Amino acid sequence: MTSSAISAQGSTLSIGTGTGSAKTITGVAVGFPTIITSTAHGLSEGDVVTLSGLTGADAAALSGQTVSVRNVTANTFAVGLNTVGKTITASGTATPVTWTQLANLKSFSGVDGSAADIEVTNLDSTAKEFISGISNAGQFSFEIDYDGSNAGHIALRSKQSSRATSQFKLVLPNAQAITFAAYVKKFPIQGGIDQIVRTSVSVQITGAVSGL
């Protein structure tokens, strides 16, 4: 059978470095996922937006949420929030994160966490019993050839210094977009004779990963 493997060549990794122009929301179709109408929004699969200004009895289910955009069409997009049975008025805005690509990406790995095992054994048990704890997405690591003048590398160093959580977006060559929030844990540089300066960056994911 023909392989359906995805080549890593052509993958890009970007870090969120600001916000773009707010998109006007003109419709909300409650459900899971929630479908939002915003005419000619210009968003792409995997973009991250912050929703605000929505009204209605259950507006808090969406307003103030920072979410990844999925199932994008010219005038609509889906967000992974459960609004089944809720009342939300179709007004407000979606403000997108702006991205800066990290140049010279060499490799990446991660989303390597696991849920804790919570023991629930009691005196009626005949063997050890466990339930799954909260999911932990773990860390994400990537190697880049270092360029201290590159805007993406400068942003990474700034985020490490400020200890701020940032949005990251990995786009594979088949257009699959994987997004997550994380903070920079390690950003060393290394080099040697007949070598270029390079770095292996590690970030700690906080919250859920979207797009896997």
N, C-alpha and C. Protein backbone atom coordinates (compact mmCIF):
# COMPACT_ATOMS: atom_id res chain seq x y z
N MET A 1 0.85 -1.19 0.00
CA MET A 1 0.00 0.00 0.00
C MET A 1 0.88 1.24 0.00
N THR A 2 0.44 2.29 -0.69
CA THR A 2 1.20 3.53 -0.78
C THR A 2 1.26 4.24 0.56
N SER A 3 2.45 4.69 0.92
CA SER A 3 2.63 5.36 2.21
C SER A 3 1.88 6.69 2.24
N SER A 4 1.28 6.99 3.40
CA SER A 4 0.63 8.28 3.61
C SER A 4 1.43 9.15 4.57
N ALA A 5 2.71 8.81 4.73
CA ALA A 5 3.57 9.55 5.67
C ALA A 5 3.71 11.01 5.24
N ILE A 6 3.88 11.88 6.24
CA ILE A 6 4.04 13.31 6.00
C ILE A 6 5.52 13.66 6.11
N SER A 7 6.06 14.27 5.09
CA SER A 7 7.44 14.75 5.16
C SER A 7 7.50 15.95 6.09
N ALA A 8 8.55 16.02 6.90
CA ALA A 8 8.72 17.17 7.78
C ALA A 8 9.27 18.39 7.04
N GLN A 9 9.86 18.13 5.86
CA GLN A 9 10.46 19.24 5.11
C GLN A 9 9.40 20.26 4.72
N GLY A 10 9.66 21.51 5.04
CA GLY A 10 8.69 22.56 4.75
C GLY A 10 7.85 22.95 5.95
N SER A 11 8.05 22.29 7.10
CA SER A 11 7.32 22.66 8.30
C SER A 11 7.78 24.03 8.80
N THR A 12 6.87 24.78 9.39
CA THR A 12 7.21 26.08 9.95
C THR A 12 6.73 26.16 11.40
N LEU A 13 7.48 26.90 12.21
CA LEU A 13 7.12 27.12 13.60
C LEU A 13 7.12 28.62 13.86
N SER A 14 6.04 29.12 14.44
CA SER A 14 5.91 30.56 14.69
C SER A 14 5.53 30.81 16.14
N ILE A 15 5.88 32.00 16.63
CA ILE A 15 5.53 32.42 17.98
C ILE A 15 4.62 33.64 17.90
N GLY A 16 3.64 33.71 18.78
CA GLY A 16 2.75 34.85 18.81
C GLY A 16 3.46 36.06 19.40
N THR A 17 3.42 37.17 18.68
CA THR A 17 4.15 38.36 19.11
C THR A 17 3.29 39.61 19.19
N GLY A 18 2.00 39.51 18.98
CA GLY A 18 1.14 40.68 19.04
C GLY A 18 -0.28 40.32 18.68
N THR A 19 -1.08 41.34 18.39
CA THR A 19 -2.47 41.13 17.98
C THR A 19 -2.77 41.91 16.72
N GLY A 20 -3.65 41.34 15.91
CA GLY A 20 -4.05 41.97 14.66
C GLY A 20 -5.35 42.73 14.82
N SER A 21 -5.94 43.08 13.69
CA SER A 21 -7.20 43.83 13.68
C SER A 21 -8.35 42.93 14.10
N ALA A 22 -9.21 43.43 14.96
CA ALA A 22 -10.36 42.67 15.44
C ALA A 22 -11.31 42.37 14.28
N LYS A 23 -11.84 41.15 14.26
CA LYS A 23 -12.82 40.73 13.26
C LYS A 23 -14.21 40.80 13.87
N THR A 24 -15.14 41.40 13.14
CA THR A 24 -16.50 41.55 13.65
C THR A 24 -17.27 40.24 13.55
N ILE A 25 -17.84 39.83 14.66
CA ILE A 25 -18.65 38.61 14.70
C ILE A 25 -20.10 38.99 14.44
N THR A 26 -20.72 38.33 13.45
CA THR A 26 -22.11 38.64 13.09
C THR A 26 -23.05 37.46 13.34
N GLY A 27 -22.51 36.32 13.75
CA GLY A 27 -23.37 35.17 14.00
C GLY A 27 -22.67 34.15 14.87
N VAL A 28 -23.44 33.49 15.74
CA VAL A 28 -22.92 32.41 16.58
C VAL A 28 -23.90 31.24 16.51
N ALA A 29 -23.43 30.10 16.02
CA ALA A 29 -24.25 28.88 16.01
C ALA A 29 -23.77 28.01 17.16
N VAL A 30 -24.56 27.95 18.23
CA VAL A 30 -24.13 27.21 19.41
C VAL A 30 -24.09 25.72 19.11
N GLY A 31 -23.24 25.02 19.82
CA GLY A 31 -23.05 23.59 19.62
C GLY A 31 -21.65 23.21 20.06
N PHE A 32 -21.20 22.06 19.62
CA PHE A 32 -19.84 21.63 19.92
C PHE A 32 -19.27 20.92 18.69
N PRO A 33 -18.41 21.62 17.91
CA PRO A 33 -17.87 22.94 18.20
C PRO A 33 -18.88 24.05 17.96
N THR A 34 -18.49 25.26 18.40
CA THR A 34 -19.29 26.46 18.15
C THR A 34 -18.85 27.07 16.82
N ILE A 35 -19.81 27.40 15.97
CA ILE A 35 -19.52 27.98 14.66
C ILE A 35 -19.76 29.49 14.71
N ILE A 36 -18.75 30.25 14.33
CA ILE A 36 -18.83 31.71 14.38
C ILE A 36 -18.80 32.27 12.96
N THR A 37 -19.69 33.20 12.70
CA THR A 37 -19.73 33.89 11.41
C THR A 37 -19.04 35.24 11.54
N SER A 38 -18.10 35.49 10.62
CA SER A 38 -17.40 36.78 10.55
C SER A 38 -17.03 36.99 9.10
N THR A 39 -17.74 37.86 8.43
CA THR A 39 -17.61 38.01 6.99
C THR A 39 -16.19 38.40 6.58
N ALA A 40 -15.64 37.63 5.63
CA ALA A 40 -14.30 37.90 5.08
C ALA A 40 -13.26 38.10 6.18
N HIS A 41 -13.26 37.18 7.15
CA HIS A 41 -12.38 37.33 8.33
C HIS A 41 -10.89 37.20 8.00
N GLY A 42 -10.55 36.44 6.96
CA GLY A 42 -9.15 36.32 6.56
C GLY A 42 -8.30 35.45 7.46
N LEU A 43 -8.91 34.70 8.36
CA LEU A 43 -8.16 33.83 9.26
C LEU A 43 -7.77 32.54 8.57
N SER A 44 -6.77 31.86 9.12
CA SER A 44 -6.29 30.59 8.57
C SER A 44 -6.43 29.49 9.62
N GLU A 45 -6.46 28.26 9.16
CA GLU A 45 -6.53 27.10 10.04
C GLU A 45 -5.41 27.17 11.08
N GLY A 46 -5.80 27.04 12.36
CA GLY A 46 -4.81 27.05 13.43
C GLY A 46 -4.53 28.42 14.01
N ASP A 47 -5.07 29.49 13.41
CA ASP A 47 -4.89 30.80 14.02
C ASP A 47 -5.54 30.82 15.40
N VAL A 48 -5.08 31.75 16.23
CA VAL A 48 -5.59 31.86 17.59
C VAL A 48 -6.24 33.23 17.75
N VAL A 49 -7.45 33.25 18.31
CA VAL A 49 -8.19 34.52 18.48
C VAL A 49 -8.69 34.63 19.91
N THR A 50 -8.87 35.86 20.36
CA THR A 50 -9.52 36.13 21.63
C THR A 50 -10.90 36.72 21.34
N LEU A 51 -11.93 36.09 21.91
CA LEU A 51 -13.31 36.50 21.67
C LEU A 51 -13.74 37.50 22.74
N SER A 52 -14.47 38.53 22.34
CA SER A 52 -14.93 39.52 23.32
C SER A 52 -16.20 40.19 22.82
N GLY A 53 -16.89 40.85 23.73
CA GLY A 53 -18.05 41.66 23.38
C GLY A 53 -19.33 40.90 23.14
N LEU A 54 -19.32 39.58 23.30
CA LEU A 54 -20.53 38.80 23.08
C LEU A 54 -21.49 38.99 24.25
N THR A 55 -22.78 38.93 23.97
CA THR A 55 -23.78 39.14 25.01
C THR A 55 -24.76 37.96 25.03
N GLY A 56 -25.64 37.99 25.99
CA GLY A 56 -26.59 36.91 26.14
C GLY A 56 -26.40 36.24 27.49
N ALA A 57 -27.36 35.42 27.87
CA ALA A 57 -27.35 34.81 29.20
C ALA A 57 -26.10 33.97 29.45
N ASP A 58 -25.54 33.39 28.38
CA ASP A 58 -24.39 32.51 28.55
C ASP A 58 -23.15 33.03 27.82
N ALA A 59 -23.07 34.34 27.66
CA ALA A 59 -21.96 34.92 26.90
C ALA A 59 -20.60 34.60 27.50
N ALA A 60 -20.56 34.36 28.81
CA ALA A 60 -19.28 34.05 29.46
C ALA A 60 -18.65 32.77 28.94
N ALA A 61 -19.45 31.91 28.29
CA ALA A 61 -18.91 30.67 27.74
C ALA A 61 -17.96 30.95 26.58
N LEU A 62 -18.09 32.15 25.96
CA LEU A 62 -17.21 32.51 24.84
C LEU A 62 -16.40 33.77 25.11
N SER A 63 -17.01 34.80 25.67
CA SER A 63 -16.32 36.08 25.85
C SER A 63 -15.10 35.92 26.74
N GLY A 64 -13.99 36.48 26.27
CA GLY A 64 -12.74 36.42 27.01
C GLY A 64 -11.92 35.18 26.75
N GLN A 65 -12.46 34.24 25.98
CA GLN A 65 -11.75 33.00 25.70
C GLN A 65 -10.73 33.20 24.57
N THR A 66 -9.54 32.62 24.73
CA THR A 66 -8.54 32.58 23.67
C THR A 66 -8.53 31.17 23.11
N VAL A 67 -8.85 31.05 21.82
CA VAL A 67 -9.13 29.75 21.23
C VAL A 67 -8.49 29.63 19.85
N SER A 68 -8.28 28.39 19.44
CA SER A 68 -7.74 28.09 18.12
C SER A 68 -8.88 27.98 17.11
N VAL A 69 -8.63 28.49 15.91
CA VAL A 69 -9.62 28.51 14.83
C VAL A 69 -9.51 27.24 14.00
N ARG A 70 -10.65 26.60 13.72
CA ARG A 70 -10.67 25.36 12.94
C ARG A 70 -11.80 25.40 11.91
N ASN A 71 -11.74 24.47 10.95
CA ASN A 71 -12.79 24.33 9.93
C ASN A 71 -13.12 25.68 9.28
N VAL A 72 -12.07 26.33 8.82
CA VAL A 72 -12.20 27.69 8.30
C VAL A 72 -12.84 27.71 6.92
N THR A 73 -13.83 28.59 6.74
CA THR A 73 -14.36 28.93 5.42
C THR A 73 -14.18 30.44 5.24
N ALA A 74 -14.60 30.97 4.11
CA ALA A 74 -14.40 32.39 3.84
C ALA A 74 -15.07 33.28 4.89
N ASN A 75 -16.21 32.84 5.43
CA ASN A 75 -16.98 33.71 6.32
C ASN A 75 -17.28 33.08 7.68
N THR A 76 -16.80 31.89 7.93
CA THR A 76 -17.06 31.23 9.22
C THR A 76 -15.81 30.52 9.71
N PHE A 77 -15.82 30.20 10.98
CA PHE A 77 -14.80 29.33 11.56
C PHE A 77 -15.36 28.67 12.82
N ALA A 78 -14.77 27.57 13.22
CA ALA A 78 -15.22 26.84 14.40
C ALA A 78 -14.22 27.01 15.53
N VAL A 79 -14.71 27.00 16.76
CA VAL A 79 -13.86 26.99 17.94
C VAL A 79 -14.29 25.83 18.82
N GLY A 80 -13.33 25.23 19.50
CA GLY A 80 -13.60 24.02 20.27
C GLY A 80 -14.16 24.29 21.65
N LEU A 81 -15.24 25.05 21.72
CA LEU A 81 -15.92 25.33 22.98
C LEU A 81 -17.34 24.78 22.91
N ASN A 82 -17.77 24.17 23.98
CA ASN A 82 -19.09 23.54 24.02
C ASN A 82 -20.14 24.55 24.47
N THR A 83 -21.00 24.95 23.54
CA THR A 83 -22.07 25.90 23.86
C THR A 83 -23.46 25.27 23.64
N VAL A 84 -23.53 23.97 23.69
CA VAL A 84 -24.82 23.28 23.49
C VAL A 84 -25.84 23.78 24.52
N GLY A 85 -27.00 24.21 24.02
CA GLY A 85 -28.09 24.65 24.88
C GLY A 85 -27.91 26.04 25.48
N LYS A 86 -26.89 26.76 25.06
CA LYS A 86 -26.63 28.08 25.65
C LYS A 86 -27.23 29.19 24.78
N THR A 87 -27.37 30.38 25.38
CA THR A 87 -27.89 31.55 24.68
C THR A 87 -26.78 32.59 24.57
N ILE A 88 -26.35 32.85 23.34
CA ILE A 88 -25.28 33.81 23.09
C ILE A 88 -25.69 34.70 21.93
N THR A 89 -25.61 36.01 22.12
CA THR A 89 -26.00 36.97 21.09
C THR A 89 -24.90 37.08 20.04
N ALA A 90 -25.31 37.14 18.78
CA ALA A 90 -24.36 37.19 17.66
C ALA A 90 -23.82 38.59 17.47
N SER A 91 -22.94 39.00 18.35
CA SER A 91 -22.24 40.27 18.20
C SER A 91 -20.93 40.16 18.96
N GLY A 92 -19.98 41.02 18.67
CA GLY A 92 -18.70 40.98 19.35
C GLY A 92 -17.56 40.95 18.36
N THR A 93 -16.38 40.60 18.84
CA THR A 93 -15.19 40.59 17.99
C THR A 93 -14.33 39.37 18.28
N ALA A 94 -13.50 39.05 17.29
CA ALA A 94 -12.47 38.01 17.43
C ALA A 94 -11.15 38.66 17.05
N THR A 95 -10.25 38.81 18.02
CA THR A 95 -8.97 39.49 17.78
C THR A 95 -7.87 38.45 17.63
N PRO A 96 -7.23 38.39 16.46
CA PRO A 96 -6.26 37.32 16.22
C PRO A 96 -4.86 37.64 16.77
N VAL A 97 -4.16 36.59 17.13
CA VAL A 97 -2.73 36.68 17.43
C VAL A 97 -1.98 36.89 16.12
N THR A 98 -0.96 37.72 16.13
CA THR A 98 -0.07 37.85 14.98
C THR A 98 1.17 37.00 15.22
N TRP A 99 1.67 36.40 14.16
CA TRP A 99 2.74 35.41 14.27
C TRP A 99 4.05 35.92 13.69
N THR A 100 5.15 35.52 14.33
CA THR A 100 6.49 35.73 13.80
C THR A 100 7.16 34.38 13.64
N GLN A 101 7.56 34.04 12.41
CA GLN A 101 8.15 32.73 12.14
C GLN A 101 9.55 32.65 12.74
N LEU A 102 9.86 31.49 13.30
CA LEU A 102 11.19 31.21 13.83
C LEU A 102 12.06 30.68 12.70
N ALA A 103 13.02 31.47 12.27
CA ALA A 103 13.86 31.11 11.12
C ALA A 103 14.79 29.95 11.46
N ASN A 104 15.22 29.25 10.41
CA ASN A 104 16.27 28.23 10.50
C ASN A 104 15.88 27.03 11.36
N LEU A 105 14.60 26.64 11.28
CA LEU A 105 14.13 25.47 12.03
C LEU A 105 14.77 24.21 11.49
N LYS A 106 15.36 23.40 12.37
CA LYS A 106 16.06 22.18 11.97
C LYS A 106 15.29 20.91 12.33
N SER A 107 14.68 20.90 13.50
CA SER A 107 13.95 19.71 13.95
C SER A 107 13.01 20.11 15.08
N PHE A 108 12.06 19.24 15.38
CA PHE A 108 11.14 19.49 16.48
C PHE A 108 10.66 18.17 17.05
N SER A 109 10.27 18.20 18.32
CA SER A 109 9.71 17.01 18.98
C SER A 109 8.98 17.46 20.23
N GLY A 110 8.08 16.62 20.70
CA GLY A 110 7.44 16.95 21.96
C GLY A 110 5.97 16.60 22.02
N VAL A 111 5.23 17.41 22.79
CA VAL A 111 3.87 17.07 23.22
C VAL A 111 3.96 15.67 23.84
N ASP A 112 4.90 15.57 24.80
CA ASP A 112 5.32 14.28 25.32
C ASP A 112 4.85 14.02 26.74
N GLY A 113 3.84 14.76 27.20
CA GLY A 113 3.38 14.58 28.56
C GLY A 113 2.45 13.38 28.72
N SER A 114 2.03 13.17 29.93
CA SER A 114 1.08 12.09 30.22
C SER A 114 0.28 12.46 31.45
N ALA A 115 -0.90 11.87 31.58
CA ALA A 115 -1.74 12.12 32.74
C ALA A 115 -1.22 11.34 33.93
N ALA A 116 -1.40 11.92 35.11
CA ALA A 116 -1.02 11.22 36.34
C ALA A 116 -1.96 10.05 36.59
N ASP A 117 -1.44 9.05 37.30
CA ASP A 117 -2.26 7.93 37.73
C ASP A 117 -2.72 8.19 39.17
N ILE A 118 -4.03 8.28 39.37
CA ILE A 118 -4.59 8.54 40.70
C ILE A 118 -5.10 7.22 41.27
N GLU A 119 -4.51 6.82 42.38
CA GLU A 119 -4.91 5.54 42.97
C GLU A 119 -6.24 5.67 43.70
N VAL A 120 -7.15 4.73 43.43
CA VAL A 120 -8.45 4.71 44.08
C VAL A 120 -8.71 3.35 44.73
N THR A 121 -7.64 2.66 45.04
CA THR A 121 -7.76 1.35 45.69
C THR A 121 -8.40 1.50 47.08
N ASN A 122 -9.30 0.59 47.41
CA ASN A 122 -9.87 0.57 48.76
C ASN A 122 -9.88 -0.87 49.28
N LEU A 123 -10.40 -1.05 50.46
CA LEU A 123 -10.33 -2.37 51.09
C LEU A 123 -11.23 -3.40 50.45
N ASP A 124 -12.11 -2.99 49.56
CA ASP A 124 -12.91 -3.94 48.79
C ASP A 124 -12.22 -4.35 47.49
N SER A 125 -11.12 -3.67 47.16
CA SER A 125 -10.43 -3.96 45.90
C SER A 125 -9.71 -5.30 45.98
N THR A 126 -9.64 -5.97 44.84
CA THR A 126 -8.88 -7.22 44.75
C THR A 126 -7.56 -7.02 44.03
N ALA A 127 -7.35 -5.82 43.51
CA ALA A 127 -6.09 -5.44 42.88
C ALA A 127 -6.01 -3.91 42.92
N LYS A 128 -4.82 -3.36 42.69
CA LYS A 128 -4.66 -1.92 42.67
C LYS A 128 -5.57 -1.32 41.59
N GLU A 129 -6.24 -0.22 41.93
CA GLU A 129 -7.14 0.44 40.99
C GLU A 129 -6.72 1.90 40.81
N PHE A 130 -6.82 2.40 39.59
CA PHE A 130 -6.40 3.76 39.27
C PHE A 130 -7.41 4.42 38.34
N ILE A 131 -7.45 5.74 38.39
CA ILE A 131 -8.14 6.52 37.37
C ILE A 131 -7.15 7.54 36.82
N SER A 132 -7.46 8.05 35.65
CA SER A 132 -6.56 9.01 35.01
C SER A 132 -6.72 10.40 35.62
N GLY A 133 -5.59 11.06 35.83
CA GLY A 133 -5.62 12.44 36.29
C GLY A 133 -5.76 13.41 35.13
N ILE A 134 -5.54 14.68 35.41
CA ILE A 134 -5.65 15.72 34.38
C ILE A 134 -4.56 15.54 33.34
N SER A 135 -4.92 15.74 32.08
CA SER A 135 -3.96 15.58 30.99
C SER A 135 -2.86 16.64 31.08
N ASN A 136 -1.63 16.20 30.85
CA ASN A 136 -0.47 17.10 30.82
C ASN A 136 0.18 16.96 29.46
N ALA A 137 0.17 18.03 28.66
CA ALA A 137 0.71 17.96 27.30
C ALA A 137 2.23 17.88 27.26
N GLY A 138 2.89 18.22 28.37
CA GLY A 138 4.33 18.07 28.44
C GLY A 138 5.10 19.22 27.82
N GLN A 139 6.26 18.91 27.28
CA GLN A 139 7.14 19.92 26.71
C GLN A 139 7.22 19.78 25.19
N PHE A 140 7.73 20.82 24.56
CA PHE A 140 7.97 20.83 23.12
C PHE A 140 9.37 21.39 22.92
N SER A 141 10.18 20.68 22.14
CA SER A 141 11.56 21.10 21.91
C SER A 141 11.81 21.26 20.42
N PHE A 142 12.69 22.20 20.09
CA PHE A 142 13.04 22.38 18.68
C PHE A 142 14.46 22.91 18.58
N GLU A 143 15.11 22.54 17.49
CA GLU A 143 16.48 22.98 17.23
C GLU A 143 16.46 24.00 16.11
N ILE A 144 17.17 25.09 16.30
CA ILE A 144 17.29 26.12 15.26
C ILE A 144 18.74 26.56 15.14
N ASP A 145 19.14 26.94 13.92
CA ASP A 145 20.41 27.60 13.72
C ASP A 145 20.23 29.04 14.19
N TYR A 146 21.03 29.46 15.15
CA TYR A 146 20.78 30.71 15.87
C TYR A 146 21.15 31.93 15.04
N ASP A 147 20.26 32.93 15.09
CA ASP A 147 20.49 34.22 14.44
C ASP A 147 19.97 35.29 15.39
N GLY A 148 20.89 35.95 16.09
CA GLY A 148 20.50 36.93 17.10
C GLY A 148 19.80 38.14 16.55
N SER A 149 19.79 38.32 15.21
CA SER A 149 19.09 39.46 14.62
C SER A 149 17.72 39.08 14.07
N ASN A 150 17.37 37.79 14.10
CA ASN A 150 16.08 37.35 13.58
C ASN A 150 14.96 37.72 14.54
N ALA A 151 13.87 38.26 14.00
CA ALA A 151 12.77 38.74 14.85
C ALA A 151 12.18 37.62 15.71
N GLY A 152 12.08 36.41 15.16
CA GLY A 152 11.54 35.30 15.92
C GLY A 152 12.45 34.90 17.06
N HIS A 153 13.76 34.86 16.81
CA HIS A 153 14.71 34.49 17.85
C HIS A 153 14.77 35.56 18.94
N ILE A 154 14.67 36.83 18.53
CA ILE A 154 14.63 37.92 19.49
C ILE A 154 13.39 37.80 20.38
N ALA A 155 12.25 37.46 19.77
CA ALA A 155 11.01 37.30 20.53
C ALA A 155 11.13 36.15 21.52
N LEU A 156 11.75 35.06 21.12
CA LEU A 156 11.95 33.92 22.02
C LEU A 156 12.75 34.33 23.24
N ARG A 157 13.87 35.04 23.00
CA ARG A 157 14.72 35.47 24.11
C ARG A 157 13.97 36.42 25.04
N SER A 158 13.17 37.30 24.46
CA SER A 158 12.38 38.23 25.27
C SER A 158 11.36 37.48 26.12
N LYS A 159 10.71 36.48 25.54
CA LYS A 159 9.72 35.70 26.29
C LYS A 159 10.38 34.92 27.41
N GLN A 160 11.60 34.43 27.17
CA GLN A 160 12.31 33.72 28.24
C GLN A 160 12.62 34.67 29.39
N SER A 161 13.07 35.88 29.06
CA SER A 161 13.43 36.85 30.09
C SER A 161 12.22 37.28 30.91
N SER A 162 11.09 37.46 30.23
CA SER A 162 9.88 37.94 30.92
C SER A 162 9.09 36.81 31.57
N ARG A 163 9.43 35.58 31.24
CA ARG A 163 8.72 34.38 31.74
C ARG A 163 7.25 34.38 31.32
N ALA A 164 6.98 35.05 30.22
CA ALA A 164 5.60 35.16 29.75
C ALA A 164 5.19 33.93 28.94
N THR A 165 3.92 33.57 29.03
CA THR A 165 3.35 32.50 28.21
C THR A 165 2.99 33.07 26.84
N SER A 166 3.34 32.33 25.80
CA SER A 166 3.08 32.76 24.43
C SER A 166 2.35 31.66 23.67
N GLN A 167 1.73 32.05 22.56
CA GLN A 167 1.14 31.08 21.64
C GLN A 167 2.20 30.62 20.65
N PHE A 168 2.18 29.34 20.31
CA PHE A 168 3.05 28.77 19.29
C PHE A 168 2.19 28.06 18.25
N LYS A 169 2.65 28.10 16.99
CA LYS A 169 1.92 27.41 15.92
C LYS A 169 2.90 26.66 15.04
N LEU A 170 2.74 25.35 14.97
CA LEU A 170 3.51 24.49 14.08
C LEU A 170 2.63 24.11 12.91
N VAL A 171 3.07 24.44 11.69
CA VAL A 171 2.31 24.09 10.49
C VAL A 171 3.10 23.08 9.69
N LEU A 172 2.51 21.91 9.46
CA LEU A 172 3.14 20.85 8.69
C LEU A 172 2.89 21.07 7.20
N PRO A 173 3.67 20.43 6.34
CA PRO A 173 3.53 20.65 4.90
C PRO A 173 2.16 20.29 4.33
N ASN A 174 1.40 19.45 5.04
CA ASN A 174 0.05 19.11 4.56
C ASN A 174 -0.99 20.11 5.07
N ALA A 175 -0.53 21.24 5.64
CA ALA A 175 -1.37 22.34 6.14
C ALA A 175 -1.98 22.05 7.51
N GLN A 176 -1.66 20.91 8.11
CA GLN A 176 -2.11 20.67 9.48
C GLN A 176 -1.43 21.67 10.42
N ALA A 177 -2.24 22.38 11.21
CA ALA A 177 -1.72 23.41 12.11
C ALA A 177 -1.93 22.97 13.55
N ILE A 178 -0.85 22.93 14.31
CA ILE A 178 -0.88 22.52 15.72
C ILE A 178 -0.54 23.74 16.56
N THR A 179 -1.43 24.10 17.48
CA THR A 179 -1.22 25.30 18.27
C THR A 179 -1.26 24.96 19.76
N PHE A 180 -0.52 25.74 20.53
CA PHE A 180 -0.49 25.55 21.97
C PHE A 180 0.11 26.79 22.63
N ALA A 181 -0.19 26.96 23.91
CA ALA A 181 0.42 28.01 24.72
C ALA A 181 1.56 27.40 25.51
N ALA A 182 2.66 28.15 25.64
CA ALA A 182 3.82 27.62 26.35
C ALA A 182 4.72 28.76 26.81
N TYR A 183 5.59 28.46 27.77
CA TYR A 183 6.61 29.42 28.16
C TYR A 183 7.99 28.79 27.95
N VAL A 184 8.98 29.64 27.70
CA VAL A 184 10.32 29.18 27.35
C VAL A 184 11.06 28.74 28.61
N LYS A 185 11.52 27.49 28.64
CA LYS A 185 12.27 26.97 29.77
C LYS A 185 13.79 27.05 29.53
N LYS A 186 14.23 26.63 28.35
CA LYS A 186 15.66 26.59 28.06
C LYS A 186 15.91 27.17 26.67
N PHE A 187 16.96 27.97 26.58
CA PHE A 187 17.34 28.58 25.31
C PHE A 187 18.86 28.72 25.29
N PRO A 188 19.59 27.59 25.30
CA PRO A 188 21.05 27.65 25.28
C PRO A 188 21.56 27.84 23.85
N ILE A 189 22.79 28.33 23.72
CA ILE A 189 23.43 28.36 22.41
C ILE A 189 24.71 27.55 22.50
N GLN A 190 25.10 26.95 21.39
CA GLN A 190 26.29 26.13 21.36
C GLN A 190 26.95 26.22 19.99
N GLY A 191 28.23 25.98 19.97
CA GLY A 191 28.98 26.02 18.73
C GLY A 191 30.33 25.35 18.93
N GLY A 192 31.13 25.31 17.90
CA GLY A 192 32.44 24.67 17.98
C GLY A 192 33.20 24.87 16.67
N ILE A 193 34.37 24.25 16.59
CA ILE A 193 35.18 24.34 15.38
C ILE A 193 34.42 23.76 14.20
N ASP A 194 34.42 24.52 13.10
CA ASP A 194 33.71 24.12 11.88
C ASP A 194 32.24 23.84 12.13
N GLN A 195 31.64 24.60 13.02
CA GLN A 195 30.20 24.47 13.30
C GLN A 195 29.56 25.85 13.28
N ILE A 196 28.28 25.85 13.00
CA ILE A 196 27.51 27.09 13.14
C ILE A 196 26.97 27.17 14.56
N VAL A 197 26.56 28.35 14.96
CA VAL A 197 25.94 28.52 16.27
C VAL A 197 24.50 28.01 16.18
N ARG A 198 24.13 27.18 17.11
CA ARG A 198 22.79 26.59 17.09
C ARG A 198 22.24 26.55 18.52
N THR A 199 20.97 26.26 18.63
CA THR A 199 20.33 26.19 19.94
C THR A 199 19.23 25.14 19.92
N SER A 200 19.03 24.50 21.06
CA SER A 200 17.93 23.57 21.25
C SER A 200 17.02 24.15 22.32
N VAL A 201 15.87 24.66 21.89
CA VAL A 201 14.95 25.36 22.78
C VAL A 201 13.92 24.38 23.34
N SER A 202 13.62 24.52 24.63
CA SER A 202 12.57 23.72 25.26
C SER A 202 11.52 24.65 25.83
N VAL A 203 10.26 24.38 25.53
CA VAL A 203 9.17 25.17 26.10
C VAL A 203 8.22 24.23 26.82
N GLN A 204 7.62 24.74 27.88
CA GLN A 204 6.64 23.97 28.67
C GLN A 204 5.24 24.34 28.21
N ILE A 205 4.50 23.36 27.71
CA ILE A 205 3.13 23.59 27.27
C ILE A 205 2.23 23.76 28.49
N THR A 206 1.34 24.75 28.42
CA THR A 206 0.35 24.94 29.47
C THR A 206 -1.04 24.92 28.84
N GLY A 207 -1.89 24.04 29.32
CA GLY A 207 -3.21 23.91 28.73
C GLY A 207 -3.24 22.85 27.64
N ALA A 208 -4.29 22.88 26.84
CA ALA A 208 -4.50 21.86 25.82
C ALA A 208 -3.78 22.20 24.54
N VAL A 209 -3.49 21.17 23.75
CA VAL A 209 -2.91 21.33 22.41
C VAL A 209 -4.04 21.16 21.39
N SER A 210 -4.10 22.06 20.42
CA SER A 210 -5.14 22.01 19.40
C SER A 210 -4.54 21.61 18.06
N GLY A 211 -5.25 20.74 17.36
CA GLY A 211 -4.84 20.39 16.00
C GLY A 211 -4.19 19.04 15.84
N LEU A 212 -3.93 18.32 16.94
CA LEU A 212 -3.35 16.98 16.82
C LEU A 212 -4.45 15.96 16.60
